[in-house]
């Protein structure tokens, strides 16, 4: 059984770690920002209790290995500035989906790229995944560039897939294969077991 409740991944500027109850104000601020959530699959939050609920669900899911959501904590000041996740695991196919969200004032500094490099390395290396997928709004040019910079390829579009707060949007589907990641990082990835 997978367990993620003690997982820590460190990068030069960040620690990726499970969320804690005292992260609730930062988690709420991330999800309440209408600009940051412009292309998200849910409307911005309007109740701080939603952060407590998310953290509670995460603590259970991490212990049971259902999904992996980690907070991005800056080494410099200890602030929680974003989230990244691997979810919708389909273990027989060694596949999952990727999600991420970063505090708007820190966009463009390479922080999410740094975090996702570590998360993808963990997914393809330790978890032995064969494929990681991402689903984005095709109007989100910054997210598209982030995925392509990591090696993801656009594999298709689903028309009018999401309706969020009455707004209909398409989905661009992206995929990254283990073999492409291994070629990109320049070394064979270890296999589990």
N, C-alpha and C. Protein backbone atom coordinates (compact mmCIF):
# COMPACT_ATOMS: atom_id res chain seq x y z
N UNK A 1 0.84 -1.20 0.00
CA UNK A 1 0.00 0.00 0.00
C UNK A 1 0.88 1.25 0.00
N UNK A 2 0.48 2.20 -0.84
CA UNK A 2 1.18 3.48 -0.87
C UNK A 2 0.84 4.30 0.36
N UNK A 3 1.81 5.02 0.88
CA UNK A 3 1.59 5.98 1.97
C UNK A 3 2.42 7.20 1.66
N UNK A 4 1.79 8.37 1.78
CA UNK A 4 2.47 9.61 1.47
C UNK A 4 2.53 10.58 2.66
N UNK A 5 2.03 10.17 3.82
CA UNK A 5 1.88 11.10 4.93
C UNK A 5 3.19 11.58 5.54
N UNK A 6 4.31 10.92 5.24
CA UNK A 6 5.60 11.37 5.77
C UNK A 6 6.54 11.85 4.66
N UNK A 7 6.03 11.95 3.45
CA UNK A 7 6.87 12.31 2.31
C UNK A 7 7.36 13.75 2.40
N UNK A 8 8.63 13.94 2.13
CA UNK A 8 9.23 15.26 2.01
C UNK A 8 10.14 15.24 0.79
N UNK A 9 10.02 16.25 -0.07
CA UNK A 9 10.91 16.40 -1.22
C UNK A 9 11.52 17.79 -1.14
N UNK A 10 12.83 17.88 -1.18
CA UNK A 10 13.50 19.17 -1.10
C UNK A 10 14.12 19.54 -2.44
N UNK A 11 13.99 20.81 -2.78
CA UNK A 11 14.61 21.39 -3.96
C UNK A 11 15.49 22.54 -3.46
N UNK A 12 16.23 23.21 -4.33
CA UNK A 12 17.07 24.30 -3.83
C UNK A 12 16.30 25.38 -3.07
N UNK A 13 15.08 25.71 -3.48
CA UNK A 13 14.35 26.79 -2.81
C UNK A 13 13.11 26.34 -2.05
N UNK A 14 12.72 25.07 -2.18
CA UNK A 14 11.43 24.63 -1.65
C UNK A 14 11.52 23.31 -0.89
N UNK A 15 10.59 23.14 0.01
CA UNK A 15 10.30 21.83 0.58
C UNK A 15 8.87 21.50 0.19
N UNK A 16 8.68 20.34 -0.42
CA UNK A 16 7.35 19.84 -0.74
C UNK A 16 6.98 18.88 0.38
N UNK A 17 5.87 19.16 1.05
CA UNK A 17 5.50 18.38 2.23
C UNK A 17 3.99 18.30 2.35
N UNK A 18 3.49 17.30 3.12
CA UNK A 18 2.05 17.23 3.35
C UNK A 18 1.55 18.48 4.06
N UNK A 19 0.31 18.82 3.78
CA UNK A 19 -0.30 19.97 4.45
C UNK A 19 -0.57 19.65 5.91
N UNK A 20 -0.58 20.72 6.73
CA UNK A 20 -0.87 20.61 8.16
C UNK A 20 -2.06 21.52 8.47
N UNK A 21 -2.74 21.30 9.58
CA UNK A 21 -3.87 22.17 9.93
C UNK A 21 -3.52 23.65 9.98
N UNK A 22 -2.30 23.99 10.39
CA UNK A 22 -1.95 25.42 10.47
C UNK A 22 -1.67 26.04 9.10
N UNK A 23 -1.74 25.25 8.03
CA UNK A 23 -1.61 25.78 6.67
C UNK A 23 -2.93 26.33 6.13
N UNK A 24 -4.00 26.16 6.88
CA UNK A 24 -5.33 26.52 6.38
C UNK A 24 -5.42 27.96 5.85
N UNK A 25 -4.89 28.98 6.52
CA UNK A 25 -4.99 30.34 5.96
C UNK A 25 -4.31 30.47 4.60
N UNK A 26 -3.15 29.86 4.43
CA UNK A 26 -2.45 29.94 3.15
C UNK A 26 -3.18 29.16 2.07
N UNK A 27 -3.71 28.00 2.41
CA UNK A 27 -4.47 27.19 1.45
C UNK A 27 -5.73 27.94 1.02
N UNK A 28 -6.38 28.58 1.97
CA UNK A 28 -7.57 29.36 1.63
C UNK A 28 -7.20 30.52 0.70
N UNK A 29 -6.13 31.23 1.01
CA UNK A 29 -5.72 32.37 0.18
C UNK A 29 -5.43 31.93 -1.26
N UNK A 30 -4.80 30.78 -1.43
CA UNK A 30 -4.53 30.27 -2.78
C UNK A 30 -5.82 30.04 -3.55
N UNK A 31 -6.80 29.41 -2.90
CA UNK A 31 -8.05 29.03 -3.56
C UNK A 31 -9.08 30.16 -3.62
N UNK A 32 -8.84 31.24 -2.93
CA UNK A 32 -9.80 32.36 -2.94
C UNK A 32 -9.42 33.43 -3.96
N UNK A 33 -8.26 33.31 -4.58
CA UNK A 33 -7.78 34.30 -5.54
C UNK A 33 -8.43 34.06 -6.90
N UNK A 34 -9.33 34.95 -7.33
CA UNK A 34 -10.03 34.72 -8.60
C UNK A 34 -9.11 34.75 -9.82
N UNK A 35 -7.99 35.47 -9.75
CA UNK A 35 -7.06 35.50 -10.89
C UNK A 35 -6.31 34.17 -10.97
N UNK A 36 -5.82 33.67 -9.85
CA UNK A 36 -5.10 32.40 -9.83
C UNK A 36 -6.03 31.24 -10.22
N UNK A 37 -7.31 31.34 -9.90
CA UNK A 37 -8.25 30.28 -10.21
C UNK A 37 -9.04 30.52 -11.50
N UNK A 38 -8.59 31.46 -12.31
CA UNK A 38 -9.29 31.80 -13.55
C UNK A 38 -9.56 30.57 -14.41
N UNK A 39 -8.60 29.66 -14.50
CA UNK A 39 -8.74 28.48 -15.35
C UNK A 39 -8.84 27.19 -14.54
N UNK A 40 -9.22 27.30 -13.29
CA UNK A 40 -9.33 26.15 -12.39
C UNK A 40 -10.64 25.43 -12.65
N UNK A 41 -10.77 24.22 -12.15
CA UNK A 41 -11.98 23.43 -12.38
C UNK A 41 -13.07 23.68 -11.34
N UNK A 42 -12.84 24.62 -10.44
CA UNK A 42 -13.86 25.03 -9.47
C UNK A 42 -13.81 26.55 -9.34
N UNK A 43 -14.90 27.17 -8.91
CA UNK A 43 -14.83 28.62 -8.69
C UNK A 43 -13.99 28.94 -7.45
N UNK A 44 -13.55 30.20 -7.32
CA UNK A 44 -12.79 30.58 -6.12
C UNK A 44 -13.60 30.30 -4.86
N UNK A 45 -12.88 29.96 -3.81
CA UNK A 45 -13.53 29.69 -2.53
C UNK A 45 -14.03 30.98 -1.91
N UNK A 46 -15.09 30.83 -1.09
CA UNK A 46 -15.63 31.98 -0.37
C UNK A 46 -15.80 31.71 1.12
N UNK A 47 -15.27 30.57 1.58
CA UNK A 47 -15.42 30.20 2.99
C UNK A 47 -14.11 29.60 3.48
N UNK A 48 -13.46 30.20 4.48
CA UNK A 48 -12.19 29.65 4.99
C UNK A 48 -12.30 28.21 5.48
N UNK A 49 -13.49 27.76 5.85
CA UNK A 49 -13.65 26.38 6.31
C UNK A 49 -13.34 25.38 5.20
N UNK A 50 -13.40 25.81 3.95
CA UNK A 50 -13.07 24.92 2.83
C UNK A 50 -11.62 24.46 2.91
N UNK A 51 -10.75 25.31 3.42
CA UNK A 51 -9.34 24.92 3.57
C UNK A 51 -9.19 23.84 4.63
N UNK A 52 -9.89 24.00 5.75
CA UNK A 52 -9.84 22.97 6.79
C UNK A 52 -10.35 21.63 6.25
N UNK A 53 -11.40 21.67 5.45
CA UNK A 53 -11.97 20.45 4.88
C UNK A 53 -10.98 19.78 3.94
N UNK A 54 -10.33 20.56 3.07
CA UNK A 54 -9.35 20.02 2.14
C UNK A 54 -8.19 19.37 2.89
N UNK A 55 -7.68 20.05 3.90
CA UNK A 55 -6.56 19.50 4.67
C UNK A 55 -6.98 18.22 5.39
N UNK A 56 -8.16 18.19 5.94
CA UNK A 56 -8.66 16.97 6.59
C UNK A 56 -8.74 15.80 5.62
N UNK A 57 -9.29 16.05 4.43
CA UNK A 57 -9.35 15.00 3.40
C UNK A 57 -7.95 14.54 3.01
N UNK A 58 -7.04 15.52 2.86
CA UNK A 58 -5.67 15.19 2.46
C UNK A 58 -4.98 14.30 3.49
N UNK A 59 -5.13 14.61 4.76
CA UNK A 59 -4.45 13.82 5.79
C UNK A 59 -4.87 12.36 5.72
N UNK A 60 -6.15 12.12 5.49
CA UNK A 60 -6.66 10.75 5.36
C UNK A 60 -6.14 10.13 4.07
N UNK A 61 -6.23 10.85 2.96
CA UNK A 61 -5.83 10.31 1.67
C UNK A 61 -4.33 10.01 1.61
N UNK A 62 -3.52 10.88 2.23
CA UNK A 62 -2.08 10.65 2.24
C UNK A 62 -1.72 9.37 2.99
N UNK A 63 -2.37 9.16 4.12
CA UNK A 63 -2.11 7.96 4.92
C UNK A 63 -2.55 6.69 4.20
N UNK A 64 -3.59 6.81 3.37
CA UNK A 64 -4.12 5.65 2.66
C UNK A 64 -3.56 5.52 1.24
N UNK A 65 -2.76 6.49 0.80
CA UNK A 65 -2.17 6.43 -0.53
C UNK A 65 -3.15 6.69 -1.66
N UNK A 66 -4.28 7.34 -1.35
CA UNK A 66 -5.29 7.59 -2.39
C UNK A 66 -4.83 8.62 -3.41
N UNK A 67 -4.20 9.67 -2.95
CA UNK A 67 -3.63 10.70 -3.82
C UNK A 67 -2.55 11.41 -3.03
N UNK A 68 -1.79 12.22 -3.74
CA UNK A 68 -0.65 12.90 -3.13
C UNK A 68 -0.76 14.39 -3.44
N UNK A 69 -1.05 15.20 -2.41
CA UNK A 69 -1.00 16.66 -2.56
C UNK A 69 0.02 17.17 -1.55
N UNK A 70 0.97 17.95 -2.05
CA UNK A 70 2.01 18.50 -1.20
C UNK A 70 1.98 20.01 -1.25
N UNK A 71 2.24 20.62 -0.11
CA UNK A 71 2.40 22.06 -0.06
C UNK A 71 3.81 22.45 -0.44
N UNK A 72 3.95 23.60 -1.08
CA UNK A 72 5.25 24.13 -1.45
C UNK A 72 5.64 25.17 -0.41
N UNK A 73 6.61 24.83 0.41
CA UNK A 73 7.07 25.72 1.48
C UNK A 73 8.43 26.27 1.11
N UNK A 74 8.57 27.58 1.13
CA UNK A 74 9.86 28.20 0.80
C UNK A 74 10.85 27.99 1.93
N UNK A 75 12.08 27.60 1.57
CA UNK A 75 13.14 27.47 2.58
C UNK A 75 13.46 28.83 3.22
N UNK A 76 13.44 29.88 2.41
CA UNK A 76 13.88 31.20 2.87
C UNK A 76 13.07 31.72 4.04
N UNK A 77 11.75 31.54 4.01
CA UNK A 77 10.92 32.13 5.07
C UNK A 77 9.88 31.17 5.65
N UNK A 78 9.85 29.92 5.18
CA UNK A 78 8.90 28.94 5.72
C UNK A 78 7.47 29.12 5.26
N UNK A 79 7.22 30.06 4.34
CA UNK A 79 5.85 30.32 3.88
C UNK A 79 5.37 29.24 2.92
N UNK A 80 4.10 28.86 3.05
CA UNK A 80 3.44 27.97 2.10
C UNK A 80 2.97 28.83 0.93
N UNK A 81 3.47 28.53 -0.27
CA UNK A 81 3.20 29.39 -1.43
C UNK A 81 2.47 28.68 -2.56
N UNK A 82 2.23 27.39 -2.43
CA UNK A 82 1.55 26.69 -3.51
C UNK A 82 1.29 25.24 -3.17
N UNK A 83 0.73 24.54 -4.15
CA UNK A 83 0.38 23.14 -4.00
C UNK A 83 0.72 22.41 -5.29
N UNK A 84 1.07 21.14 -5.18
CA UNK A 84 1.18 20.29 -6.36
C UNK A 84 0.70 18.90 -5.98
N UNK A 85 0.18 18.18 -6.96
CA UNK A 85 -0.43 16.90 -6.61
C UNK A 85 -0.29 15.88 -7.73
N UNK A 86 -0.30 14.63 -7.32
CA UNK A 86 -0.48 13.48 -8.19
C UNK A 86 -1.76 12.82 -7.70
N UNK A 87 -2.70 12.58 -8.60
CA UNK A 87 -4.00 12.06 -8.19
C UNK A 87 -4.59 11.20 -9.31
N UNK A 88 -5.76 10.66 -9.07
CA UNK A 88 -6.44 9.78 -10.03
C UNK A 88 -5.50 8.65 -10.47
N UNK A 89 -4.87 8.02 -9.49
CA UNK A 89 -3.97 6.90 -9.79
C UNK A 89 -4.74 5.75 -10.42
N UNK A 90 -4.18 5.19 -11.46
CA UNK A 90 -4.66 3.94 -12.04
C UNK A 90 -3.45 3.02 -12.04
N UNK A 91 -3.27 2.32 -10.92
CA UNK A 91 -2.04 1.56 -10.70
C UNK A 91 -1.83 0.42 -11.69
N UNK A 92 -2.89 -0.29 -12.14
CA UNK A 92 -2.62 -1.34 -13.14
C UNK A 92 -1.97 -0.79 -14.41
N UNK A 93 -2.27 0.45 -14.76
CA UNK A 93 -1.67 1.08 -15.93
C UNK A 93 -0.48 1.97 -15.56
N UNK A 94 -0.16 2.05 -14.26
CA UNK A 94 0.94 2.89 -13.75
C UNK A 94 0.80 4.32 -14.27
N UNK A 95 -0.37 4.90 -14.01
CA UNK A 95 -0.71 6.22 -14.54
C UNK A 95 -1.39 7.05 -13.46
N UNK A 96 -1.23 8.39 -13.57
CA UNK A 96 -1.96 9.32 -12.71
C UNK A 96 -2.04 10.67 -13.38
N UNK A 97 -2.67 11.62 -12.70
CA UNK A 97 -2.79 12.98 -13.20
C UNK A 97 -1.99 13.92 -12.30
N UNK A 98 -1.66 15.08 -12.86
CA UNK A 98 -0.85 16.10 -12.20
C UNK A 98 -1.70 17.36 -12.02
N UNK A 99 -1.56 18.00 -10.85
CA UNK A 99 -2.20 19.28 -10.60
C UNK A 99 -1.25 20.21 -9.87
N UNK A 100 -1.48 21.53 -10.00
CA UNK A 100 -0.58 22.48 -9.35
C UNK A 100 -1.24 23.85 -9.27
N UNK A 101 -0.83 24.62 -8.26
CA UNK A 101 -1.35 25.96 -8.02
C UNK A 101 -0.29 26.74 -7.25
N UNK A 102 0.01 27.96 -7.72
CA UNK A 102 1.04 28.79 -7.09
C UNK A 102 0.49 30.17 -6.80
N UNK A 103 0.89 30.72 -5.67
CA UNK A 103 0.51 32.08 -5.29
C UNK A 103 0.83 33.04 -6.44
N UNK A 104 -0.15 33.85 -6.83
CA UNK A 104 -0.03 34.70 -8.01
C UNK A 104 1.18 35.62 -7.99
N UNK A 105 1.51 36.21 -6.88
CA UNK A 105 2.63 37.14 -6.81
C UNK A 105 3.98 36.51 -7.08
N UNK A 106 4.03 35.18 -7.16
CA UNK A 106 5.30 34.47 -7.37
C UNK A 106 5.40 33.82 -8.75
N UNK A 107 4.42 34.08 -9.60
CA UNK A 107 4.46 33.53 -10.95
C UNK A 107 5.69 34.05 -11.69
N UNK A 108 6.22 33.23 -12.58
CA UNK A 108 7.32 33.66 -13.44
C UNK A 108 8.70 33.56 -12.82
N UNK A 109 8.82 32.98 -11.63
CA UNK A 109 10.13 32.87 -10.97
C UNK A 109 10.71 31.46 -11.02
N UNK A 110 10.04 30.55 -11.71
CA UNK A 110 10.53 29.18 -11.84
C UNK A 110 10.28 28.30 -10.64
N UNK A 111 9.52 28.77 -9.67
CA UNK A 111 9.28 27.99 -8.45
C UNK A 111 8.44 26.74 -8.73
N UNK A 112 7.38 26.88 -9.53
CA UNK A 112 6.56 25.71 -9.81
C UNK A 112 7.34 24.72 -10.67
N UNK A 113 8.12 25.21 -11.60
CA UNK A 113 8.95 24.31 -12.41
C UNK A 113 9.87 23.49 -11.51
N UNK A 114 10.49 24.15 -10.56
CA UNK A 114 11.38 23.48 -9.61
C UNK A 114 10.63 22.41 -8.82
N UNK A 115 9.44 22.75 -8.35
CA UNK A 115 8.64 21.80 -7.58
C UNK A 115 8.21 20.61 -8.43
N UNK A 116 7.75 20.90 -9.65
CA UNK A 116 7.25 19.82 -10.49
C UNK A 116 8.37 18.91 -10.97
N UNK A 117 9.58 19.43 -11.15
CA UNK A 117 10.72 18.55 -11.47
C UNK A 117 10.88 17.50 -10.37
N UNK A 118 10.81 17.92 -9.12
CA UNK A 118 10.97 16.99 -8.00
C UNK A 118 9.80 16.01 -7.93
N UNK A 119 8.59 16.51 -8.13
CA UNK A 119 7.40 15.65 -8.05
C UNK A 119 7.39 14.62 -9.19
N UNK A 120 7.72 15.05 -10.40
CA UNK A 120 7.75 14.11 -11.53
C UNK A 120 8.85 13.08 -11.35
N UNK A 121 10.00 13.50 -10.84
CA UNK A 121 11.08 12.56 -10.58
C UNK A 121 10.64 11.50 -9.56
N UNK A 122 9.92 11.94 -8.53
CA UNK A 122 9.38 11.01 -7.54
C UNK A 122 8.37 10.06 -8.20
N UNK A 123 7.48 10.62 -9.01
CA UNK A 123 6.44 9.81 -9.64
C UNK A 123 7.01 8.76 -10.58
N UNK A 124 7.94 9.16 -11.44
CA UNK A 124 8.51 8.20 -12.38
C UNK A 124 9.55 7.30 -11.74
N UNK A 125 10.25 7.81 -10.73
CA UNK A 125 11.29 7.02 -10.08
C UNK A 125 10.74 6.13 -8.98
N UNK A 126 10.39 6.72 -7.87
CA UNK A 126 9.96 5.95 -6.69
C UNK A 126 8.64 5.22 -6.93
N UNK A 127 7.66 5.92 -7.54
CA UNK A 127 6.35 5.29 -7.76
C UNK A 127 6.32 4.43 -9.01
N UNK A 128 7.35 4.49 -9.83
CA UNK A 128 7.46 3.68 -11.04
C UNK A 128 6.27 3.89 -11.99
N UNK A 129 5.80 5.14 -12.07
CA UNK A 129 4.71 5.42 -13.00
C UNK A 129 5.22 5.35 -14.44
N UNK A 130 4.35 5.00 -15.34
CA UNK A 130 4.69 4.97 -16.75
C UNK A 130 4.20 6.21 -17.48
N UNK A 131 3.17 6.86 -16.94
CA UNK A 131 2.56 7.99 -17.63
C UNK A 131 1.96 8.95 -16.60
N UNK A 132 2.16 10.25 -16.83
CA UNK A 132 1.53 11.27 -16.01
C UNK A 132 0.81 12.21 -16.96
N UNK A 133 -0.45 12.51 -16.62
CA UNK A 133 -1.31 13.33 -17.48
C UNK A 133 -1.67 14.64 -16.81
N UNK A 134 -1.97 15.63 -17.62
CA UNK A 134 -2.45 16.91 -17.11
C UNK A 134 -3.60 17.37 -18.00
N UNK A 135 -4.54 18.03 -17.38
CA UNK A 135 -5.75 18.52 -18.04
C UNK A 135 -5.81 20.01 -17.77
N UNK A 136 -5.67 20.85 -18.80
CA UNK A 136 -5.68 22.30 -18.58
C UNK A 136 -6.68 22.98 -19.51
N UNK A 137 -7.07 24.16 -19.14
CA UNK A 137 -7.87 25.01 -20.02
C UNK A 137 -6.92 25.50 -21.12
N UNK A 138 -7.25 25.28 -22.39
CA UNK A 138 -6.32 25.67 -23.45
C UNK A 138 -6.03 27.17 -23.52
N UNK A 139 -6.85 27.99 -22.88
CA UNK A 139 -6.59 29.43 -22.84
C UNK A 139 -5.50 29.80 -21.84
N UNK A 140 -5.10 28.85 -21.00
CA UNK A 140 -4.10 29.10 -19.96
C UNK A 140 -2.70 28.92 -20.55
N UNK A 141 -2.21 29.97 -21.21
CA UNK A 141 -0.93 29.90 -21.91
C UNK A 141 0.23 29.63 -20.95
N UNK A 142 0.20 30.19 -19.75
CA UNK A 142 1.30 29.98 -18.80
C UNK A 142 1.38 28.52 -18.37
N UNK A 143 0.24 27.89 -18.12
CA UNK A 143 0.24 26.49 -17.72
C UNK A 143 0.71 25.62 -18.89
N UNK A 144 0.28 25.95 -20.09
CA UNK A 144 0.71 25.20 -21.27
C UNK A 144 2.24 25.27 -21.41
N UNK A 145 2.81 26.48 -21.27
CA UNK A 145 4.27 26.62 -21.36
C UNK A 145 4.97 25.82 -20.26
N UNK A 146 4.41 25.83 -19.05
CA UNK A 146 5.02 25.07 -17.95
C UNK A 146 5.06 23.59 -18.27
N UNK A 147 3.96 23.06 -18.76
CA UNK A 147 3.92 21.63 -19.10
C UNK A 147 4.89 21.29 -20.23
N UNK A 148 4.89 22.10 -21.26
CA UNK A 148 5.78 21.84 -22.40
C UNK A 148 7.25 21.94 -21.99
N UNK A 149 7.56 22.86 -21.09
CA UNK A 149 8.94 22.99 -20.60
C UNK A 149 9.37 21.73 -19.86
N UNK A 150 8.42 21.04 -19.23
CA UNK A 150 8.70 19.80 -18.51
C UNK A 150 8.75 18.58 -19.44
N UNK A 151 8.35 18.76 -20.70
CA UNK A 151 8.38 17.66 -21.64
C UNK A 151 7.02 17.08 -21.98
N UNK A 152 5.94 17.60 -21.41
CA UNK A 152 4.61 17.12 -21.73
C UNK A 152 4.26 17.46 -23.18
N UNK A 153 3.50 16.60 -23.81
CA UNK A 153 3.01 16.83 -25.17
C UNK A 153 1.50 16.94 -25.15
N UNK A 154 0.97 17.90 -25.91
CA UNK A 154 -0.49 17.99 -26.04
C UNK A 154 -0.96 16.81 -26.89
N UNK A 155 -1.95 16.09 -26.37
CA UNK A 155 -2.41 14.87 -27.04
C UNK A 155 -3.85 14.94 -27.52
N UNK A 156 -4.53 16.01 -27.19
CA UNK A 156 -5.90 16.12 -27.66
C UNK A 156 -6.68 17.20 -26.95
N UNK A 157 -7.86 17.43 -27.46
CA UNK A 157 -8.78 18.42 -26.89
C UNK A 157 -10.13 17.78 -26.68
N UNK A 158 -10.74 18.15 -25.57
CA UNK A 158 -12.12 17.76 -25.29
C UNK A 158 -12.95 19.03 -25.27
N UNK A 159 -13.91 19.12 -26.18
CA UNK A 159 -14.71 20.34 -26.30
C UNK A 159 -15.73 20.44 -25.18
N UNK A 160 -15.84 21.65 -24.66
CA UNK A 160 -16.85 21.99 -23.64
C UNK A 160 -16.90 20.96 -22.51
N UNK A 161 -15.74 20.62 -21.99
CA UNK A 161 -15.64 19.60 -20.94
C UNK A 161 -16.01 20.14 -19.56
N UNK A 162 -15.70 21.40 -19.30
CA UNK A 162 -15.93 21.97 -17.98
C UNK A 162 -16.97 23.09 -18.05
N UNK A 163 -17.78 23.16 -17.03
CA UNK A 163 -18.66 24.31 -16.81
C UNK A 163 -18.43 24.73 -15.37
N UNK A 164 -17.78 25.88 -15.21
CA UNK A 164 -17.43 26.39 -13.88
C UNK A 164 -18.06 27.76 -13.73
N UNK A 165 -18.91 27.90 -12.73
CA UNK A 165 -19.62 29.16 -12.47
C UNK A 165 -20.31 29.66 -13.75
N UNK A 166 -20.89 28.73 -14.49
CA UNK A 166 -21.63 29.07 -15.69
C UNK A 166 -20.79 29.26 -16.94
N UNK A 167 -19.46 29.23 -16.83
CA UNK A 167 -18.59 29.42 -17.99
C UNK A 167 -18.17 28.07 -18.55
N UNK A 168 -18.40 27.87 -19.83
CA UNK A 168 -18.06 26.63 -20.51
C UNK A 168 -16.65 26.75 -21.08
N UNK A 169 -15.85 25.70 -20.89
CA UNK A 169 -14.48 25.72 -21.43
C UNK A 169 -14.08 24.33 -21.91
N UNK A 170 -13.14 24.34 -22.84
CA UNK A 170 -12.57 23.10 -23.36
C UNK A 170 -11.46 22.63 -22.43
N UNK A 171 -10.95 21.44 -22.72
CA UNK A 171 -9.80 20.89 -22.02
C UNK A 171 -8.74 20.52 -23.04
N UNK A 172 -7.50 20.87 -22.75
CA UNK A 172 -6.35 20.37 -23.49
C UNK A 172 -5.72 19.28 -22.64
N UNK A 173 -5.56 18.11 -23.23
CA UNK A 173 -4.98 16.97 -22.51
C UNK A 173 -3.50 16.84 -22.86
N UNK A 174 -2.68 16.71 -21.83
CA UNK A 174 -1.24 16.58 -21.99
C UNK A 174 -0.78 15.27 -21.35
N UNK A 175 0.27 14.69 -21.90
CA UNK A 175 0.83 13.48 -21.33
C UNK A 175 2.34 13.49 -21.37
N UNK A 176 2.94 12.83 -20.38
CA UNK A 176 4.39 12.66 -20.30
C UNK A 176 4.65 11.20 -19.96
N UNK A 177 5.50 10.55 -20.77
CA UNK A 177 5.82 9.14 -20.56
C UNK A 177 7.12 9.00 -19.79
N UNK A 178 7.21 7.90 -19.06
CA UNK A 178 8.41 7.59 -18.28
C UNK A 178 9.66 7.60 -19.16
N UNK A 179 9.59 6.98 -20.33
CA UNK A 179 10.77 6.90 -21.20
C UNK A 179 11.22 8.28 -21.66
N UNK A 180 10.24 9.17 -21.90
CA UNK A 180 10.59 10.53 -22.30
C UNK A 180 11.22 11.29 -21.14
N UNK A 181 10.71 11.06 -19.94
CA UNK A 181 11.28 11.69 -18.75
C UNK A 181 12.71 11.20 -18.52
N UNK A 182 12.92 9.89 -18.65
CA UNK A 182 14.26 9.32 -18.44
C UNK A 182 15.25 9.90 -19.45
N UNK A 183 14.83 10.04 -20.70
CA UNK A 183 15.71 10.63 -21.71
C UNK A 183 15.99 12.10 -21.39
N UNK A 184 15.00 12.77 -20.85
CA UNK A 184 15.13 14.20 -20.54
C UNK A 184 16.10 14.43 -19.38
N UNK A 185 16.00 13.59 -18.34
CA UNK A 185 16.87 13.76 -17.18
C UNK A 185 18.23 13.10 -17.39
N UNK A 186 18.37 12.32 -18.46
CA UNK A 186 19.66 11.78 -18.84
C UNK A 186 20.15 10.59 -18.05
N UNK A 187 19.24 9.91 -17.38
CA UNK A 187 19.65 8.73 -16.61
C UNK A 187 18.48 7.76 -16.52
N UNK A 188 18.75 6.48 -16.47
CA UNK A 188 17.65 5.54 -16.29
C UNK A 188 17.04 5.70 -14.90
N UNK A 189 15.76 5.59 -14.84
CA UNK A 189 15.07 5.70 -13.55
C UNK A 189 15.07 4.35 -12.85
N UNK A 190 15.22 4.34 -11.54
CA UNK A 190 15.18 3.08 -10.82
C UNK A 190 13.78 2.48 -10.90
N UNK A 191 13.71 1.19 -10.82
CA UNK A 191 12.41 0.51 -10.79
C UNK A 191 12.16 0.01 -9.39
N UNK A 192 10.90 0.05 -9.00
CA UNK A 192 10.52 -0.46 -7.67
C UNK A 192 10.68 -1.96 -7.62
N UNK A 193 10.89 -2.43 -6.38
CA UNK A 193 10.85 -3.85 -6.12
C UNK A 193 11.91 -4.59 -6.83
